[in-house]
Structures are given as C-alpha cells and as structure tokens.
Amino acid sequence: MLDLNKKYQINDKIVLRKIDTKCWALNIENGNQYRLNDVSYFILDSFREVASVIDVISLMQKEYSVDKERLIADCSSMLQTAVNKNILKEV
C-alpha cells in the first residue's frame, strides 16, 4: 500500500488524453499506451501538479459518493500500478 502522504506527479514523458469517453495515458518516449477508464483518468489528471495521495482521495470523495476506505484501497492499487509503469513519479 502506498504512503498516503507521499507526493506524486505525472511523469514528464506521459501525456493524458481524453476524447469523448475514451481515455489514455501515452508515453511519448517509448510509445506505450495505457487505456484508462474515467475514474483512472480523473485520478491521474489530479497529479498534473504535485499532489499527495490523500489530497487526491479528498478530491475523489467530493466527486464520487464512495466510502473513504474503499477509495484508499482502490486508489492505492491503481496508483501503485501507475508508479510501476512510470506513469507517475514520486517527488
């Protein structure tokens, strides 16, 4: 599980794109494309500027009616994947 107080930002080599209901994270260095759903896009978009995990969870609570514990579990899993794929970087 990620430290909720750690701060992350979108990697400089990642571009987020949304066209209608389709969302992607594109790595402009190696061409990798990651298909995202609306929630994943919202989470990653929240890291365009440096933000802590807990800050993004607070944003999510305002946007979606979901229990905080559920948000923490789901966001932690998604963010760990984003860190592992170098979509997010720790700052």
PDB file of N, CA and C in Angstrom:
ATOM      1  N   MET A   1       0.844  -1.192   0.000  1.00  0.00           N
ATOM      2  CA  MET A   1       0.000   0.000   0.000  1.00  0.00           C
ATOM      3  C   MET A   1       0.879   1.242   0.000  1.00  0.00           C
ATOM      4  N   LEU A   2       0.493   2.232  -0.766  1.00  0.00           N
ATOM      5  CA  LEU A   2       1.253   3.466  -0.859  1.00  0.00           C
ATOM      6  C   LEU A   2       1.103   4.305   0.404  1.00  0.00           C
ATOM      7  N   ASP A   3       2.135   5.055   0.698  1.00  0.00           N
ATOM      8  CA  ASP A   3       2.090   6.030   1.781  1.00  0.00           C
ATOM      9  C   ASP A   3       1.170   7.164   1.340  1.00  0.00           C
ATOM     10  N   LEU A   4       0.115   7.426   2.086  1.00  0.00           N
ATOM     11  CA  LEU A   4      -0.876   8.427   1.698  1.00  0.00           C
ATOM     12  C   LEU A   4      -0.327   9.842   1.693  1.00  0.00           C
ATOM     13  N   ASN A   5       0.786  10.068   2.380  1.00  0.00           N
ATOM     14  CA  ASN A   5       1.363  11.407   2.438  1.00  0.00           C
ATOM     15  C   ASN A   5       2.426  11.652   1.377  1.00  0.00           C
ATOM     16  N   LYS A   6       2.832  10.612   0.650  1.00  0.00           N
ATOM     17  CA  LYS A   6       3.816  10.798  -0.419  1.00  0.00           C
ATOM     18  C   LYS A   6       3.206  11.632  -1.528  1.00  0.00           C
ATOM     19  N   LYS A   7       4.080  12.402  -2.171  1.00  0.00           N
ATOM     20  CA  LYS A   7       3.622  13.266  -3.262  1.00  0.00           C
ATOM     21  C   LYS A   7       4.102  12.705  -4.589  1.00  0.00           C
ATOM     22  N   TYR A   8       3.215  12.801  -5.569  1.00  0.00           N
ATOM     23  CA  TYR A   8       3.483  12.286  -6.903  1.00  0.00           C
ATOM     24  C   TYR A   8       3.094  13.329  -7.938  1.00  0.00           C
ATOM     25  N   GLN A   9       3.602  13.100  -9.140  1.00  0.00           N
ATOM     26  CA  GLN A   9       3.247  13.927 -10.281  1.00  0.00           C
ATOM     27  C   GLN A   9       3.330  13.053 -11.526  1.00  0.00           C
ATOM     28  N   ILE A  10       2.561  13.422 -12.553  1.00  0.00           N
ATOM     29  CA  ILE A  10       2.632  12.705 -13.826  1.00  0.00           C
ATOM     30  C   ILE A  10       4.060  12.807 -14.350  1.00  0.00           C
ATOM     31  N   ASN A  11       4.594  11.706 -14.825  1.00  0.00           N
ATOM     32  CA  ASN A  11       5.925  11.674 -15.420  1.00  0.00           C
ATOM     33  C   ASN A  11       5.948  12.621 -16.619  1.00  0.00           C
ATOM     34  N   ASP A  12       7.073  13.317 -16.810  1.00  0.00           N
ATOM     35  CA  ASP A  12       7.215  14.278 -17.906  1.00  0.00           C
ATOM     36  C   ASP A  12       7.001  13.643 -19.278  1.00  0.00           C
ATOM     37  N   LYS A  13       7.201  12.352 -19.377  1.00  0.00           N
ATOM     38  CA  LYS A  13       7.090  11.668 -20.665  1.00  0.00           C
ATOM     39  C   LYS A  13       5.682  11.109 -20.921  1.00  0.00           C
ATOM     40  N   ILE A  14       4.758  11.408 -20.021  1.00  0.00           N
ATOM     41  CA  ILE A  14       3.378  10.915 -20.142  1.00  0.00           C
ATOM     42  C   ILE A  14       2.447  12.068 -20.520  1.00  0.00           C
ATOM     43  N   VAL A  15       1.596  11.791 -21.491  1.00  0.00           N
ATOM     44  CA  VAL A  15       0.570  12.741 -21.913  1.00  0.00           C
ATOM     45  C   VAL A  15      -0.785  12.067 -21.703  1.00  0.00           C
ATOM     46  N   LEU A  16      -1.662  12.747 -20.997  1.00  0.00           N
ATOM     47  CA  LEU A  16      -3.022  12.232 -20.796  1.00  0.00           C
ATOM     48  C   LEU A  16      -3.927  12.785 -21.884  1.00  0.00           C
ATOM     49  N   ARG A  17      -4.760  11.933 -22.444  1.00  0.00           N
ATOM     50  CA  ARG A  17      -5.692  12.351 -23.487  1.00  0.00           C
ATOM     51  C   ARG A  17      -7.072  11.761 -23.209  1.00  0.00           C
ATOM     52  N   LYS A  18      -8.089  12.589 -23.510  1.00  0.00           N
ATOM     53  CA  LYS A  18      -9.471  12.137 -23.368  1.00  0.00           C
ATOM     54  C   LYS A  18     -10.248  12.647 -24.576  1.00  0.00           C
ATOM     55  N   ILE A  19     -10.850  11.727 -25.294  1.00  0.00           N
ATOM     56  CA  ILE A  19     -11.688  12.062 -26.437  1.00  0.00           C
ATOM     57  C   ILE A  19     -13.027  11.374 -26.216  1.00  0.00           C
ATOM     58  N   ASP A  20     -14.041  12.180 -26.034  1.00  0.00           N
ATOM     59  CA  ASP A  20     -15.372  11.681 -25.691  1.00  0.00           C
ATOM     60  C   ASP A  20     -15.276  10.812 -24.438  1.00  0.00           C
ATOM     61  N   THR A  21     -15.536   9.525 -24.561  1.00  0.00           N
ATOM     62  CA  THR A  21     -15.495   8.648 -23.387  1.00  0.00           C
ATOM     63  C   THR A  21     -14.236   7.786 -23.348  1.00  0.00           C
ATOM     64  N   LYS A  22     -13.321   7.997 -24.281  1.00  0.00           N
ATOM     65  CA  LYS A  22     -12.083   7.205 -24.330  1.00  0.00           C
ATOM     66  C   LYS A  22     -10.934   8.010 -23.722  1.00  0.00           C
ATOM     67  N   CYS A  23     -10.165   7.330 -22.864  1.00  0.00           N
ATOM     68  CA  CYS A  23      -9.070   7.997 -22.151  1.00  0.00           C
ATOM     69  C   CYS A  23      -7.791   7.169 -22.269  1.00  0.00           C
ATOM     70  N   TRP A  24      -6.648   7.856 -22.380  1.00  0.00           N
ATOM     71  CA  TRP A  24      -5.356   7.194 -22.475  1.00  0.00           C
ATOM     72  C   TRP A  24      -4.299   7.961 -21.723  1.00  0.00           C
ATOM     73  N   ALA A  25      -3.271   7.227 -21.335  1.00  0.00           N
ATOM     74  CA  ALA A  25      -2.001   7.806 -20.900  1.00  0.00           C
ATOM     75  C   ALA A  25      -0.996   7.346 -21.948  1.00  0.00           C
ATOM     76  N   LEU A  26      -0.333   8.281 -22.592  1.00  0.00           N
ATOM     77  CA  LEU A  26       0.599   7.971 -23.668  1.00  0.00           C
ATOM     78  C   LEU A  26       2.018   8.302 -23.237  1.00  0.00           C
ATOM     79  N   ASN A  27       2.925   7.356 -23.408  1.00  0.00           N
ATOM     80  CA  ASN A  27       4.327   7.606 -23.126  1.00  0.00           C
ATOM     81  C   ASN A  27       4.970   8.080 -24.427  1.00  0.00           C
ATOM     82  N   ILE A  28       5.358   9.355 -24.481  1.00  0.00           N
ATOM     83  CA  ILE A  28       5.893   9.920 -25.714  1.00  0.00           C
ATOM     84  C   ILE A  28       7.330   9.485 -25.976  1.00  0.00           C
ATOM     85  N   GLU A  29       7.962   8.870 -24.996  1.00  0.00           N
ATOM     86  CA  GLU A  29       9.338   8.405 -25.179  1.00  0.00           C
ATOM     87  C   GLU A  29       9.383   7.031 -25.869  1.00  0.00           C
ATOM     88  N   ASN A  30       8.553   6.094 -25.378  1.00  0.00           N
ATOM     89  CA  ASN A  30       8.631   4.732 -25.925  1.00  0.00           C
ATOM     90  C   ASN A  30       7.366   4.292 -26.668  1.00  0.00           C
ATOM     91  N   GLY A  31       6.354   5.150 -26.731  1.00  0.00           N
ATOM     92  CA  GLY A  31       5.145   4.833 -27.479  1.00  0.00           C
ATOM     93  C   GLY A  31       4.128   3.980 -26.750  1.00  0.00           C
ATOM     94  N   ASN A  32       4.399   3.577 -25.509  1.00  0.00           N
ATOM     95  CA  ASN A  32       3.428   2.765 -24.763  1.00  0.00           C
ATOM     96  C   ASN A  32       2.148   3.563 -24.542  1.00  0.00           C
ATOM     97  N   GLN A  33       1.031   2.873 -24.687  1.00  0.00           N
ATOM     98  CA  GLN A  33      -0.278   3.473 -24.470  1.00  0.00           C
ATOM     99  C   GLN A  33      -1.005   2.683 -23.390  1.00  0.00           C
ATOM    100  N   TYR A  34      -1.633   3.399 -22.490  1.00  0.00           N
ATOM    101  CA  TYR A  34      -2.380   2.768 -21.408  1.00  0.00           C
ATOM    102  C   TYR A  34      -3.811   3.278 -21.484  1.00  0.00           C
ATOM    103  N   ARG A  35      -4.726   2.364 -21.707  1.00  0.00           N
ATOM    104  CA  ARG A  35      -6.137   2.724 -21.760  1.00  0.00           C
ATOM    105  C   ARG A  35      -6.647   2.924 -20.339  1.00  0.00           C
ATOM    106  N   LEU A  36      -7.404   3.978 -20.139  1.00  0.00           N
ATOM    107  CA  LEU A  36      -7.905   4.333 -18.813  1.00  0.00           C
ATOM    108  C   LEU A  36      -9.423   4.409 -18.832  1.00  0.00           C
ATOM    109  N   ASN A  37     -10.030   4.146 -17.689  1.00  0.00           N
ATOM    110  CA  ASN A  37     -11.451   4.445 -17.550  1.00  0.00           C
ATOM    111  C   ASN A  37     -11.568   5.874 -17.002  1.00  0.00           C
ATOM    112  N   ASP A  38     -12.787   6.372 -16.879  1.00  0.00           N
ATOM    113  CA  ASP A  38     -12.980   7.758 -16.431  1.00  0.00           C
ATOM    114  C   ASP A  38     -12.399   8.014 -15.043  1.00  0.00           C
ATOM    115  N   VAL A  39     -12.544   7.052 -14.158  1.00  0.00           N
ATOM    116  CA  VAL A  39     -12.052   7.234 -12.788  1.00  0.00           C
ATOM    117  C   VAL A  39     -10.519   7.263 -12.765  1.00  0.00           C
ATOM    118  N   SER A  40      -9.891   6.344 -13.477  1.00  0.00           N
ATOM    119  CA  SER A  40      -8.426   6.327 -13.545  1.00  0.00           C
ATOM    120  C   SER A  40      -7.907   7.624 -14.160  1.00  0.00           C
ATOM    121  N   TYR A  41      -8.593   8.100 -15.194  1.00  0.00           N
ATOM    122  CA  TYR A  41      -8.204   9.365 -15.820  1.00  0.00           C
ATOM    123  C   TYR A  41      -8.314  10.504 -14.807  1.00  0.00           C
ATOM    124  N   PHE A  42      -9.418  10.545 -14.064  1.00  0.00           N
ATOM    125  CA  PHE A  42      -9.616  11.587 -13.047  1.00  0.00           C
ATOM    126  C   PHE A  42      -8.481  11.555 -12.023  1.00  0.00           C
ATOM    127  N   ILE A  43      -8.124  10.361 -11.573  1.00  0.00           N
ATOM    128  CA  ILE A  43      -7.061  10.223 -10.578  1.00  0.00           C
ATOM    129  C   ILE A  43      -5.737  10.726 -11.146  1.00  0.00           C
ATOM    130  N   LEU A  44      -5.349  10.234 -12.314  1.00  0.00           N
ATOM    131  CA  LEU A  44      -4.079  10.653 -12.899  1.00  0.00           C
ATOM    132  C   LEU A  44      -4.068  12.140 -13.237  1.00  0.00           C
ATOM    133  N   ASP A  45      -5.179  12.644 -13.733  1.00  0.00           N
ATOM    134  CA  ASP A  45      -5.278  14.064 -14.057  1.00  0.00           C
ATOM    135  C   ASP A  45      -5.071  14.929 -12.812  1.00  0.00           C
ATOM    136  N   SER A  46      -5.434  14.396 -11.661  1.00  0.00           N
ATOM    137  CA  SER A  46      -5.240  15.118 -10.391  1.00  0.00           C
ATOM    138  C   SER A  46      -3.769  15.269 -10.034  1.00  0.00           C
ATOM    139  N   PHE A  47      -2.921  14.501 -10.693  1.00  0.00           N
ATOM    140  CA  PHE A  47      -1.478  14.573 -10.448  1.00  0.00           C
ATOM    141  C   PHE A  47      -0.733  15.358 -11.528  1.00  0.00           C
ATOM    142  N   ARG A  48      -1.443  16.163 -12.318  1.00  0.00           N
ATOM    143  CA  ARG A  48      -0.735  17.028 -13.283  1.00  0.00           C
ATOM    144  C   ARG A  48       0.197  17.971 -12.529  1.00  0.00           C
ATOM    145  N   GLU A  49      -0.266  18.420 -11.395  1.00  0.00           N
ATOM    146  CA  GLU A  49       0.562  19.186 -10.461  1.00  0.00           C
ATOM    147  C   GLU A  49       0.899  18.257  -9.305  1.00  0.00           C
ATOM    148  N   VAL A  50       1.966  18.553  -8.597  1.00  0.00           N
ATOM    149  CA  VAL A  50       2.370  17.722  -7.459  1.00  0.00           C
ATOM    150  C   VAL A  50       1.225  17.653  -6.450  1.00  0.00           C
ATOM    151  N   ALA A  51       0.900  16.437  -6.018  1.00  0.00           N
ATOM    152  CA  ALA A  51      -0.172  16.237  -5.041  1.00  0.00           C
ATOM    153  C   ALA A  51       0.124  14.992  -4.226  1.00  0.00           C
ATOM    154  N   SER A  52      -0.373  14.983  -3.004  1.00  0.00           N
ATOM    155  CA  SER A  52      -0.241  13.784  -2.178  1.00  0.00           C
ATOM    156  C   SER A  52      -1.418  12.856  -2.468  1.00  0.00           C
ATOM    157  N   VAL A  53      -1.236  11.605  -2.143  1.00  0.00           N
ATOM    158  CA  VAL A  53      -2.299  10.615  -2.353  1.00  0.00           C
ATOM    159  C   VAL A  53      -3.541  11.012  -1.565  1.00  0.00           C
ATOM    160  N   ILE A  54      -3.368  11.459  -0.344  1.00  0.00           N
ATOM    161  CA  ILE A  54      -4.513  11.825   0.488  1.00  0.00           C
ATOM    162  C   ILE A  54      -5.254  13.028  -0.087  1.00  0.00           C
ATOM    163  N   ASP A  55      -4.520  13.974  -0.736  1.00  0.00           N
ATOM    164  CA  ASP A  55      -5.177  15.106  -1.399  1.00  0.00           C
ATOM    165  C   ASP A  55      -6.076  14.628  -2.537  1.00  0.00           C
ATOM    166  N   VAL A  56      -5.583  13.682  -3.304  1.00  0.00           N
ATOM    167  CA  VAL A  56      -6.358  13.153  -4.434  1.00  0.00           C
ATOM    168  C   VAL A  56      -7.558  12.360  -3.924  1.00  0.00           C
ATOM    169  N   ILE A  57      -7.389  11.627  -2.849  1.00  0.00           N
ATOM    170  CA  ILE A  57      -8.514  10.892  -2.264  1.00  0.00           C
ATOM    171  C   ILE A  57      -9.590  11.867  -1.798  1.00  0.00           C
ATOM    172  N   SER A  58      -9.184  12.994  -1.234  1.00  0.00           N
ATOM    173  CA  SER A  58     -10.159  14.019  -0.822  1.00  0.00           C
ATOM    174  C   SER A  58     -10.919  14.563  -2.028  1.00  0.00           C
ATOM    175  N   LEU A  59     -10.210  14.792  -3.141  1.00  0.00           N
ATOM    176  CA  LEU A  59     -10.874  15.231  -4.375  1.00  0.00           C
ATOM    177  C   LEU A  59     -11.879  14.186  -4.857  1.00  0.00           C
ATOM    178  N   MET A  60     -11.459  12.924  -4.767  1.00  0.00           N
ATOM    179  CA  MET A  60     -12.326  11.836  -5.206  1.00  0.00           C
ATOM    180  C   MET A  60     -13.592  11.768  -4.352  1.00  0.00           C
ATOM    181  N   GLN A  61     -13.459  11.987  -3.056  1.00  0.00           N
ATOM    182  CA  GLN A  61     -14.626  11.944  -2.176  1.00  0.00           C
ATOM    183  C   GLN A  61     -15.627  13.026  -2.549  1.00  0.00           C
ATOM    184  N   LYS A  62     -15.128  14.182  -2.993  1.00  0.00           N
ATOM    185  CA  LYS A  62     -16.022  15.260  -3.410  1.00  0.00           C
ATOM    186  C   LYS A  62     -16.706  14.929  -4.741  1.00  0.00           C
ATOM    187  N   GLU A  63     -16.004  14.223  -5.610  1.00  0.00           N
ATOM    188  CA  GLU A  63     -16.503  13.909  -6.948  1.00  0.00           C
ATOM    189  C   GLU A  63     -17.426  12.684  -6.967  1.00  0.00           C
ATOM    190  N   TYR A  64     -17.097  11.692  -6.156  1.00  0.00           N
ATOM    191  CA  TYR A  64     -17.833  10.416  -6.174  1.00  0.00           C
ATOM    192  C   TYR A  64     -18.339  10.092  -4.769  1.00  0.00           C
ATOM    193  N   SER A  65     -19.471   9.442  -4.695  1.00  0.00           N
ATOM    194  CA  SER A  65     -20.039   9.037  -3.413  1.00  0.00           C
ATOM    195  C   SER A  65     -19.552   7.640  -3.066  1.00  0.00           C
ATOM    196  N   VAL A  66     -18.331   7.580  -2.553  1.00  0.00           N
ATOM    197  CA  VAL A  66     -17.728   6.294  -2.213  1.00  0.00           C
ATOM    198  C   VAL A  66     -17.107   6.408  -0.828  1.00  0.00           C
ATOM    199  N   ASP A  67     -17.168   5.332  -0.094  1.00  0.00           N
ATOM    200  CA  ASP A  67     -16.582   5.248   1.231  1.00  0.00           C
ATOM    201  C   ASP A  67     -15.074   5.521   1.157  1.00  0.00           C
ATOM    202  N   LYS A  68     -14.546   6.284   2.108  1.00  0.00           N
ATOM    203  CA  LYS A  68     -13.131   6.663   2.106  1.00  0.00           C
ATOM    204  C   LYS A  68     -12.207   5.447   2.124  1.00  0.00           C
ATOM    205  N   GLU A  69     -12.545   4.431   2.900  1.00  0.00           N
ATOM    206  CA  GLU A  69     -11.702   3.229   2.972  1.00  0.00           C
ATOM    207  C   GLU A  69     -11.638   2.524   1.618  1.00  0.00           C
ATOM    208  N   ARG A  70     -12.761   2.488   0.930  1.00  0.00           N
ATOM    209  CA  ARG A  70     -12.810   1.878  -0.408  1.00  0.00           C
ATOM    210  C   ARG A  70     -11.954   2.683  -1.390  1.00  0.00           C
ATOM    211  N   LEU A  71     -12.055   4.016  -1.301  1.00  0.00           N
ATOM    212  CA  LEU A  71     -11.247   4.881  -2.161  1.00  0.00           C
ATOM    213  C   LEU A  71      -9.757   4.662  -1.923  1.00  0.00           C
ATOM    214  N   ILE A  72      -9.376   4.573  -0.674  1.00  0.00           N
ATOM    215  CA  ILE A  72      -7.962   4.362  -0.336  1.00  0.00           C
ATOM    216  C   ILE A  72      -7.473   3.053  -0.939  1.00  0.00           C
ATOM    217  N   ALA A  73      -8.240   1.994  -0.780  1.00  0.00           N
ATOM    218  CA  ALA A  73      -7.834   0.691  -1.315  1.00  0.00           C
ATOM    219  C   ALA A  73      -7.752   0.715  -2.837  1.00  0.00           C
ATOM    220  N   ASP A  74      -8.785   1.238  -3.488  1.00  0.00           N
ATOM    221  CA  ASP A  74      -8.814   1.261  -4.947  1.00  0.00           C
ATOM    222  C   ASP A  74      -7.762   2.202  -5.524  1.00  0.00           C
ATOM    223  N   CYS A  75      -7.619   3.385  -4.943  1.00  0.00           N
ATOM    224  CA  CYS A  75      -6.621   4.345  -5.432  1.00  0.00           C
ATOM    225  C   CYS A  75      -5.216   3.819  -5.217  1.00  0.00           C
ATOM    226  N   SER A  76      -4.965   3.214  -4.087  1.00  0.00           N
ATOM    227  CA  SER A  76      -3.624   2.694  -3.808  1.00  0.00           C
ATOM    228  C   SER A  76      -3.219   1.658  -4.838  1.00  0.00           C
ATOM    229  N   SER A  77      -4.130   0.769  -5.184  1.00  0.00           N
ATOM    230  CA  SER A  77      -3.845  -0.256  -6.173  1.00  0.00           C
ATOM    231  C   SER A  77      -3.567   0.366  -7.542  1.00  0.00           C
ATOM    232  N   MET A  78      -4.417   1.276  -7.952  1.00  0.00           N
ATOM    233  CA  MET A  78      -4.259   1.921  -9.255  1.00  0.00           C
ATOM    234  C   MET A  78      -2.982   2.751  -9.305  1.00  0.00           C
ATOM    235  N   LEU A  79      -2.701   3.499  -8.239  1.00  0.00           N
ATOM    236  CA  LEU A  79      -1.512   4.347  -8.200  1.00  0.00           C
ATOM    237  C   LEU A  79      -0.231   3.526  -8.163  1.00  0.00           C
ATOM    238  N   GLN A  80      -0.259   2.396  -7.477  1.00  0.00           N
ATOM    239  CA  GLN A  80       0.924   1.533  -7.454  1.00  0.00           C
ATOM    240  C   GLN A  80       1.229   1.029  -8.861  1.00  0.00           C
ATOM    241  N   THR A  81       0.199   0.683  -9.608  1.00  0.00           N
ATOM    242  CA  THR A  81       0.385   0.274 -10.995  1.00  0.00           C
ATOM    243  C   THR A  81       0.956   1.423 -11.818  1.00  0.00           C
ATOM    244  N   ALA A  82       0.435   2.633 -11.620  1.00  0.00           N
ATOM    245  CA  ALA A  82       0.929   3.808 -12.356  1.00  0.00           C
ATOM    246  C   ALA A  82       2.391   4.097 -12.023  1.00  0.00           C
ATOM    247  N   VAL A  83       2.784   3.917 -10.777  1.00  0.00           N
ATOM    248  CA  VAL A  83       4.179   4.112 -10.384  1.00  0.00           C
ATOM    249  C   VAL A  83       5.052   3.029 -11.030  1.00  0.00           C
ATOM    250  N   ASN A  84       4.598   1.782 -10.978  1.00  0.00           N
ATOM    251  CA  ASN A  84       5.364   0.680 -11.560  1.00  0.00           C
ATOM    252  C   ASN A  84       5.562   0.832 -13.065  1.00  0.00           C
ATOM    253  N   LYS A  85       4.585   1.454 -13.757  1.00  0.00           N
ATOM    254  CA  LYS A  85       4.678   1.637 -15.207  1.00  0.00           C
ATOM    255  C   LYS A  85       5.286   2.997 -15.577  1.00  0.00           C
ATOM    256  N   ASN A  86       5.804   3.716 -14.566  1.00  0.00           N
ATOM    257  CA  ASN A  86       6.435   5.036 -14.756  1.00  0.00           C
ATOM    258  C   ASN A  86       5.481   6.075 -15.336  1.00  0.00           C
ATOM    259  N   ILE A  87       4.210   5.938 -15.027  1.00  0.00           N
ATOM    260  CA  ILE A  87       3.241   6.966 -15.401  1.00  0.00           C
ATOM    261  C   ILE A  87       3.307   8.085 -14.371  1.00  0.00           C
ATOM    262  N   LEU A  88       3.445   7.705 -13.114  1.00  0.00           N
ATOM    263  CA  LEU A  88       3.623   8.661 -12.023  1.00  0.00           C
ATOM    264  C   LEU A  88       5.033   8.566 -11.484  1.00  0.00           C
ATOM    265  N   LYS A  89       5.534   9.698 -11.005  1.00  0.00           N
ATOM    266  CA  LYS A  89       6.830   9.720 -10.352  1.00  0.00           C
ATOM    267  C   LYS A  89       6.676  10.358  -8.966  1.00  0.00           C
ATOM    268  N   GLU A  90       7.438   9.836  -8.031  1.00  0.00           N
ATOM    269  CA  GLU A  90       7.434  10.412  -6.689  1.00  0.00           C
ATOM    270  C   GLU A  90       8.269  11.695  -6.713  1.00  0.00           C
ATOM    271  N   VAL A  91       7.785  12.715  -6.047  1.00  0.00           N
ATOM    272  CA  VAL A  91       8.523  13.981  -5.980  1.00  0.00           C
ATOM    273  C   VAL A  91       8.788  14.380  -4.560  1.00  0.00           C
TER     274      VAL A  91
END
